Structure formats: structure tokens, C-alpha cells
Amino acid sequence: MLNMEKSNVFCLVCNHQFSECDAGVIEEWELPICDPCIDDMCTFKVKYDGSRDLLEFLTEEIKGSKCAGCLKSAIELQGIRYGSTVWGDGKCGECEQGWSLEIHIEFV
């Protein structure tokens, strides 16, 4: 079993303690947020009944979600790509960082 030395760096979302190795690859401009938390912040599950335009509906659902780059509630949907999973292009209104958003739609 690997003996991983722990760092004094913790995830700002879930308080997970990073290993020395993981903490060493965090860029100076990045916030210490673990990969599972980033995935959670960039994954959306919505229920859609078809009564409104899909892009308009998703834009409203995602607006104000937290940005994994600055932790401000400022994500705005810029567009979507259709597929077995709908992918959204989001951008933070505060730090201007772009994000790829995974959107799972349940049709009701």
C-alpha cells in the first residue's frame, strides 16, 4: 500500500485533504478544489417538460451556479451541443473562466 504524505492544503468545497503530490500540481492561479467537487459543480441534472425552448430553460437552470475557478455564483450558459449527453459551454461572469458543463435531461 502506498504511503501518501498529506499536505496542509484542503479542498475549499468538501474539506478533503490533498496529498503532497496533488498539492504540488495545483497551479498558482487555481483554487484548491478536488476533482470530484469540480465534477459536481460542472454536472447538472434537470427535468424538462418541453413547454419552453430547451436552450432558454437550461440557461435559466444553470444561471448563477458556482464557478470552480472563483467560487462565485456567476456561471452563465453560452450554448449547448446535443448528444447522448448534452454538453454546455459555460462562462463565469466574474473571473471569465470557461467551463464544459455536462447536462443530463430527464424528460417529464
N, C-alpha and C. Protein backbone atom coordinates (compact mmCIF):
# COMPACT_ATOMS: atom_id res chain seq x y z
N MET A 1 0.84 -1.18 0.00
CA MET A 1 0.00 0.00 0.00
C MET A 1 0.89 1.24 0.00
N LEU A 2 0.50 2.22 -0.82
CA LEU A 2 1.28 3.45 -0.92
C LEU A 2 1.09 4.31 0.32
N ASN A 3 2.16 4.87 0.79
CA ASN A 3 2.10 5.79 1.92
C ASN A 3 2.14 7.20 1.35
N MET A 4 0.97 7.85 1.27
CA MET A 4 0.86 9.18 0.70
C MET A 4 0.97 10.22 1.81
N GLU A 5 1.95 11.08 1.69
CA GLU A 5 2.08 12.16 2.67
C GLU A 5 1.01 13.20 2.40
N LYS A 6 0.38 13.64 3.45
CA LYS A 6 -0.68 14.65 3.33
C LYS A 6 -0.07 16.04 3.39
N SER A 7 -0.70 16.95 2.69
CA SER A 7 -0.26 18.34 2.69
C SER A 7 -1.11 19.13 3.67
N ASN A 8 -0.87 20.40 3.76
CA ASN A 8 -1.71 21.27 4.59
C ASN A 8 -2.74 22.00 3.72
N VAL A 9 -3.00 21.45 2.52
CA VAL A 9 -3.96 22.04 1.57
C VAL A 9 -5.24 21.22 1.59
N PHE A 10 -6.37 21.90 1.74
CA PHE A 10 -7.68 21.25 1.80
C PHE A 10 -8.59 21.81 0.71
N CYS A 11 -9.49 20.96 0.20
CA CYS A 11 -10.47 21.39 -0.78
C CYS A 11 -11.37 22.45 -0.15
N LEU A 12 -11.59 23.53 -0.86
CA LEU A 12 -12.42 24.63 -0.35
C LEU A 12 -13.90 24.28 -0.31
N VAL A 13 -14.30 23.20 -0.99
CA VAL A 13 -15.71 22.81 -1.03
C VAL A 13 -16.02 21.72 -0.01
N CYS A 14 -15.25 20.63 -0.03
CA CYS A 14 -15.58 19.47 0.82
C CYS A 14 -14.59 19.24 1.95
N ASN A 15 -13.53 20.02 2.00
CA ASN A 15 -12.50 19.93 3.05
C ASN A 15 -11.62 18.68 2.93
N HIS A 16 -11.61 18.03 1.77
CA HIS A 16 -10.74 16.88 1.53
C HIS A 16 -9.28 17.34 1.62
N GLN A 17 -8.44 16.59 2.30
CA GLN A 17 -7.03 16.94 2.42
C GLN A 17 -6.27 16.39 1.23
N PHE A 18 -5.58 17.26 0.52
CA PHE A 18 -4.79 16.87 -0.64
C PHE A 18 -3.50 16.19 -0.20
N SER A 19 -3.03 15.26 -1.01
CA SER A 19 -1.71 14.68 -0.76
C SER A 19 -0.66 15.71 -1.18
N GLU A 20 0.57 15.53 -0.74
CA GLU A 20 1.66 16.42 -1.14
C GLU A 20 1.79 16.44 -2.67
N CYS A 21 1.67 15.27 -3.27
CA CYS A 21 1.80 15.14 -4.72
C CYS A 21 0.70 15.94 -5.44
N ASP A 22 -0.56 15.79 -4.99
CA ASP A 22 -1.67 16.52 -5.61
C ASP A 22 -1.54 18.02 -5.39
N ALA A 23 -1.15 18.41 -4.20
CA ALA A 23 -1.00 19.84 -3.90
C ALA A 23 0.11 20.46 -4.75
N GLY A 24 1.10 19.66 -5.09
CA GLY A 24 2.22 20.16 -5.89
C GLY A 24 1.87 20.50 -7.32
N VAL A 25 0.75 19.95 -7.83
CA VAL A 25 0.37 20.24 -9.22
C VAL A 25 -0.71 21.30 -9.33
N ILE A 26 -1.16 21.84 -8.21
CA ILE A 26 -2.13 22.93 -8.25
C ILE A 26 -1.42 24.18 -8.71
N GLU A 27 -1.91 24.75 -9.79
CA GLU A 27 -1.30 25.96 -10.33
C GLU A 27 -1.51 27.13 -9.37
N GLU A 28 -0.65 28.10 -9.44
CA GLU A 28 -0.70 29.26 -8.55
C GLU A 28 -2.05 29.99 -8.65
N TRP A 29 -2.63 30.04 -9.85
CA TRP A 29 -3.87 30.77 -10.07
C TRP A 29 -5.12 29.93 -9.75
N GLU A 30 -4.95 28.62 -9.50
CA GLU A 30 -6.09 27.73 -9.25
C GLU A 30 -6.48 27.74 -7.78
N LEU A 31 -7.77 27.59 -7.53
CA LEU A 31 -8.24 27.38 -6.16
C LEU A 31 -8.10 25.90 -5.84
N PRO A 32 -7.79 25.56 -4.60
CA PRO A 32 -7.68 24.14 -4.25
C PRO A 32 -9.07 23.50 -4.13
N ILE A 33 -9.54 22.93 -5.24
CA ILE A 33 -10.82 22.24 -5.28
C ILE A 33 -10.56 20.86 -5.88
N CYS A 34 -10.99 19.81 -5.21
CA CYS A 34 -10.71 18.45 -5.66
C CYS A 34 -11.53 18.11 -6.92
N ASP A 35 -11.04 17.14 -7.67
CA ASP A 35 -11.69 16.76 -8.92
C ASP A 35 -13.15 16.35 -8.75
N PRO A 36 -13.51 15.53 -7.73
CA PRO A 36 -14.92 15.19 -7.57
C PRO A 36 -15.82 16.43 -7.35
N CYS A 37 -15.33 17.41 -6.63
CA CYS A 37 -16.11 18.64 -6.42
C CYS A 37 -16.25 19.44 -7.72
N ILE A 38 -15.17 19.50 -8.51
CA ILE A 38 -15.25 20.18 -9.80
C ILE A 38 -16.26 19.47 -10.69
N ASP A 39 -16.22 18.14 -10.71
CA ASP A 39 -17.20 17.38 -11.49
C ASP A 39 -18.62 17.70 -11.05
N ASP A 40 -18.85 17.74 -9.73
CA ASP A 40 -20.18 18.06 -9.22
C ASP A 40 -20.62 19.47 -9.63
N MET A 41 -19.70 20.41 -9.63
CA MET A 41 -20.02 21.79 -9.98
C MET A 41 -20.29 21.96 -11.48
N CYS A 42 -19.81 21.02 -12.28
CA CYS A 42 -19.96 21.12 -13.73
C CYS A 42 -20.94 20.09 -14.30
N THR A 43 -21.68 19.41 -13.43
CA THR A 43 -22.67 18.42 -13.86
C THR A 43 -24.04 18.85 -13.35
N PHE A 44 -25.00 18.82 -14.27
CA PHE A 44 -26.35 19.27 -13.93
C PHE A 44 -27.35 18.19 -14.32
N LYS A 45 -28.33 17.96 -13.46
CA LYS A 45 -29.43 17.04 -13.74
C LYS A 45 -30.71 17.86 -13.67
N VAL A 46 -31.43 17.89 -14.79
CA VAL A 46 -32.64 18.71 -14.86
C VAL A 46 -33.81 17.87 -15.36
N LYS A 47 -35.01 18.31 -15.02
CA LYS A 47 -36.24 17.70 -15.53
C LYS A 47 -36.87 18.71 -16.48
N TYR A 48 -37.14 18.25 -17.69
CA TYR A 48 -37.62 19.15 -18.74
C TYR A 48 -38.93 18.61 -19.30
N ASP A 49 -39.96 19.47 -19.34
CA ASP A 49 -41.27 19.03 -19.81
C ASP A 49 -41.58 19.45 -21.25
N GLY A 50 -40.68 20.16 -21.89
CA GLY A 50 -40.88 20.54 -23.29
C GLY A 50 -41.76 21.75 -23.50
N SER A 51 -42.22 22.38 -22.45
CA SER A 51 -43.13 23.52 -22.60
C SER A 51 -42.41 24.81 -23.00
N ARG A 52 -41.10 24.85 -22.86
CA ARG A 52 -40.32 26.04 -23.21
C ARG A 52 -39.18 25.64 -24.12
N ASP A 53 -38.58 26.61 -24.73
CA ASP A 53 -37.38 26.38 -25.55
C ASP A 53 -36.30 25.77 -24.67
N LEU A 54 -35.64 24.70 -25.15
CA LEU A 54 -34.66 23.98 -24.34
C LEU A 54 -33.50 24.86 -23.92
N LEU A 55 -32.92 25.62 -24.84
CA LEU A 55 -31.78 26.48 -24.50
C LEU A 55 -32.18 27.52 -23.46
N GLU A 56 -33.34 28.12 -23.63
CA GLU A 56 -33.83 29.11 -22.66
C GLU A 56 -34.01 28.47 -21.28
N PHE A 57 -34.59 27.27 -21.25
CA PHE A 57 -34.80 26.55 -20.00
C PHE A 57 -33.48 26.23 -19.31
N LEU A 58 -32.52 25.67 -20.07
CA LEU A 58 -31.22 25.30 -19.49
C LEU A 58 -30.45 26.53 -19.04
N THR A 59 -30.54 27.62 -19.78
CA THR A 59 -29.87 28.86 -19.39
C THR A 59 -30.36 29.32 -18.02
N GLU A 60 -31.66 29.24 -17.82
CA GLU A 60 -32.24 29.64 -16.53
C GLU A 60 -31.85 28.68 -15.41
N GLU A 61 -31.83 27.38 -15.71
CA GLU A 61 -31.48 26.36 -14.70
C GLU A 61 -30.03 26.51 -14.23
N ILE A 62 -29.13 26.86 -15.13
CA ILE A 62 -27.70 26.89 -14.82
C ILE A 62 -27.24 28.25 -14.31
N LYS A 63 -27.95 29.30 -14.69
CA LYS A 63 -27.55 30.65 -14.31
C LYS A 63 -27.33 30.77 -12.80
N GLY A 64 -26.20 31.32 -12.43
CA GLY A 64 -25.89 31.55 -11.02
C GLY A 64 -25.27 30.36 -10.31
N SER A 65 -24.96 29.29 -11.06
CA SER A 65 -24.26 28.17 -10.43
C SER A 65 -22.85 28.59 -10.07
N LYS A 66 -22.27 27.91 -9.08
CA LYS A 66 -20.93 28.28 -8.61
C LYS A 66 -19.86 27.93 -9.62
N CYS A 67 -18.92 28.81 -9.77
CA CYS A 67 -17.76 28.63 -10.64
C CYS A 67 -16.66 27.92 -9.84
N ALA A 68 -16.09 26.88 -10.43
CA ALA A 68 -15.00 26.16 -9.77
C ALA A 68 -13.69 26.95 -9.83
N GLY A 69 -13.67 28.04 -10.57
CA GLY A 69 -12.47 28.85 -10.68
C GLY A 69 -12.38 29.96 -9.64
N CYS A 70 -13.56 30.45 -9.19
CA CYS A 70 -13.53 31.56 -8.22
C CYS A 70 -14.56 31.39 -7.10
N LEU A 71 -15.39 30.36 -7.18
CA LEU A 71 -16.43 30.04 -6.20
C LEU A 71 -17.53 31.10 -6.11
N LYS A 72 -17.61 31.97 -7.09
CA LYS A 72 -18.72 32.93 -7.13
C LYS A 72 -19.88 32.27 -7.87
N SER A 73 -21.10 32.65 -7.56
CA SER A 73 -22.28 32.11 -8.23
C SER A 73 -22.54 32.91 -9.50
N ALA A 74 -21.74 32.65 -10.51
CA ALA A 74 -21.79 33.50 -11.70
C ALA A 74 -21.69 32.75 -13.02
N ILE A 75 -21.93 31.42 -13.04
CA ILE A 75 -21.85 30.67 -14.30
C ILE A 75 -23.04 31.02 -15.18
N GLU A 76 -22.78 31.28 -16.44
CA GLU A 76 -23.82 31.55 -17.42
C GLU A 76 -23.62 30.61 -18.60
N LEU A 77 -24.70 30.00 -19.07
CA LEU A 77 -24.65 29.09 -20.20
C LEU A 77 -24.50 29.90 -21.49
N GLN A 78 -23.50 29.55 -22.29
CA GLN A 78 -23.24 30.25 -23.55
C GLN A 78 -23.83 29.50 -24.75
N GLY A 79 -23.98 28.19 -24.65
CA GLY A 79 -24.51 27.39 -25.74
C GLY A 79 -24.50 25.93 -25.34
N ILE A 80 -25.12 25.08 -26.20
CA ILE A 80 -25.16 23.65 -25.92
C ILE A 80 -24.83 22.86 -27.18
N ARG A 81 -24.36 21.61 -26.96
CA ARG A 81 -24.09 20.66 -28.04
C ARG A 81 -24.89 19.41 -27.73
N TYR A 82 -25.68 18.95 -28.69
CA TYR A 82 -26.52 17.78 -28.47
C TYR A 82 -25.75 16.50 -28.65
N GLY A 83 -26.11 15.48 -27.91
CA GLY A 83 -25.53 14.15 -27.99
C GLY A 83 -26.23 13.27 -26.97
N SER A 84 -25.68 12.10 -26.70
CA SER A 84 -26.28 11.24 -25.67
C SER A 84 -26.25 11.94 -24.32
N THR A 85 -25.26 12.77 -24.13
CA THR A 85 -25.22 13.73 -23.02
C THR A 85 -25.20 15.10 -23.68
N VAL A 86 -25.98 16.02 -23.16
CA VAL A 86 -25.94 17.39 -23.68
C VAL A 86 -24.77 18.09 -22.98
N TRP A 87 -23.90 18.69 -23.77
CA TRP A 87 -22.76 19.43 -23.22
C TRP A 87 -23.03 20.91 -23.37
N GLY A 88 -22.80 21.65 -22.32
CA GLY A 88 -22.97 23.09 -22.35
C GLY A 88 -21.64 23.79 -22.26
N ASP A 89 -21.59 24.95 -22.87
CA ASP A 89 -20.42 25.82 -22.74
C ASP A 89 -20.81 26.92 -21.78
N GLY A 90 -20.15 26.95 -20.63
CA GLY A 90 -20.45 27.96 -19.62
C GLY A 90 -19.27 28.89 -19.42
N LYS A 91 -19.59 30.06 -18.93
CA LYS A 91 -18.55 31.04 -18.65
C LYS A 91 -18.92 31.77 -17.38
N CYS A 92 -17.93 32.00 -16.54
CA CYS A 92 -18.15 32.73 -15.30
C CYS A 92 -18.19 34.22 -15.59
N GLY A 93 -19.22 34.88 -15.10
CA GLY A 93 -19.34 36.31 -15.27
C GLY A 93 -18.37 37.11 -14.42
N GLU A 94 -17.76 36.47 -13.43
CA GLU A 94 -16.81 37.15 -12.55
C GLU A 94 -15.37 36.99 -13.03
N CYS A 95 -14.90 35.73 -13.10
CA CYS A 95 -13.49 35.50 -13.43
C CYS A 95 -13.27 35.23 -14.92
N GLU A 96 -14.37 35.14 -15.69
CA GLU A 96 -14.32 34.95 -17.14
C GLU A 96 -13.79 33.58 -17.58
N GLN A 97 -13.64 32.64 -16.64
CA GLN A 97 -13.15 31.31 -16.99
C GLN A 97 -14.27 30.51 -17.65
N GLY A 98 -13.91 29.78 -18.71
CA GLY A 98 -14.87 28.94 -19.41
C GLY A 98 -14.91 27.54 -18.84
N TRP A 99 -16.08 26.92 -18.89
CA TRP A 99 -16.26 25.57 -18.36
C TRP A 99 -17.09 24.74 -19.31
N SER A 100 -16.78 23.46 -19.39
CA SER A 100 -17.58 22.50 -20.12
C SER A 100 -18.55 21.89 -19.11
N LEU A 101 -19.84 22.00 -19.39
CA LEU A 101 -20.87 21.56 -18.46
C LEU A 101 -21.57 20.31 -18.99
N GLU A 102 -21.67 19.29 -18.16
CA GLU A 102 -22.35 18.05 -18.52
C GLU A 102 -23.79 18.16 -18.04
N ILE A 103 -24.76 18.04 -18.97
CA ILE A 103 -26.16 18.24 -18.63
C ILE A 103 -26.94 16.96 -18.92
N HIS A 104 -27.56 16.43 -17.89
CA HIS A 104 -28.40 15.23 -18.03
C HIS A 104 -29.85 15.69 -17.96
N ILE A 105 -30.62 15.37 -18.99
CA ILE A 105 -32.01 15.84 -19.07
C ILE A 105 -32.94 14.64 -18.91
N GLU A 106 -33.85 14.77 -17.95
CA GLU A 106 -34.92 13.78 -17.80
C GLU A 106 -36.16 14.43 -18.38
N PHE A 107 -36.73 13.80 -19.38
CA PHE A 107 -37.94 14.34 -20.00
C PHE A 107 -39.16 13.88 -19.19
N VAL A 108 -39.97 14.83 -18.77
CA VAL A 108 -41.16 14.51 -17.96
C VAL A 108 -42.43 14.93 -18.67
